[in-house]
Every structure is written in structure tokens, then in C-alpha cells.
Amino acid sequence: MDVNNVLEITDTDGKFYYFTKHNYKNHLDKHPELRIPNFLDRIKKAILEPECVYPSFFKCKDTFCFYYLEFTINNVNRYTKVVVKKKGLKQYVILSAYRPTNIKEVKYFNKPLTSRP
């Protein structure tokens, strides 16, 4: 693993995803769940086994949101959301990750992507 990354993942299609120490540290205050010891494993699971993937409604066209449903309690879902940006051929940087209760992109897109970008 590159010393500048906290996480590196290669999916079954050979796409490489990485979470830099810089991005990780920049999001610690806003998303304290990043401090949970096994949260990096949840990020990995969201990328490798996403419930759904949407284009980001906020970022540029090469940014995508991966969602993994962790659990449902009292009809409230809890997801792991991972936001990635395409950086090159089969290469994606993880911009952020956190645990929302809904899929915000549903408001802006009719359907999720049929596969990982």
C-alpha cells in the first residue's frame, strides 16, 4: 500500500480505489464515523458490494456515490455512503465516506447505475 493512503481496494473488474490520508483527515471532523475502527472495512464493502451506485448530484460528472445498506431499525435505513471521483482509466479516489439514513441522489436521478462506473 502507498504510504499516502489509508485504504486501497481493487474490485473484480480491476478498478483501483484509494482513500488518501489527506482526504481522510480532512473529513474526520465532519464525519466522526471515520474514526470507528472497522469503518474502513465498511467502505471496502460499499465499493465491492454496493446496494446501488448513483452519479453525484453535487459534484462533477466523474463523481459517484456508492451505497451499502447496513441495517434498518424502526423503518429507518442506515447506509454506508462512499463518494468517489474518477482520476484515470480504472482509477478512483475516495473523496469521503459517512453513514446517512437516506439516498439523497434519488431526488435527482430516476434510477441508479446498473453497475459500478
Foldseek 3Di string as FASTA:
>chain_A
DPPQFPDWDAEPVRFIETEGPVLLVVCCVVAVCSVVPCVNVLVRCQVHPFPFKAQDPPDDRQKIKGWDFDDADPNFTKIKIWIWGDDDDSYIYTNDIHIDRDDVCVVPDVGTDPDDD
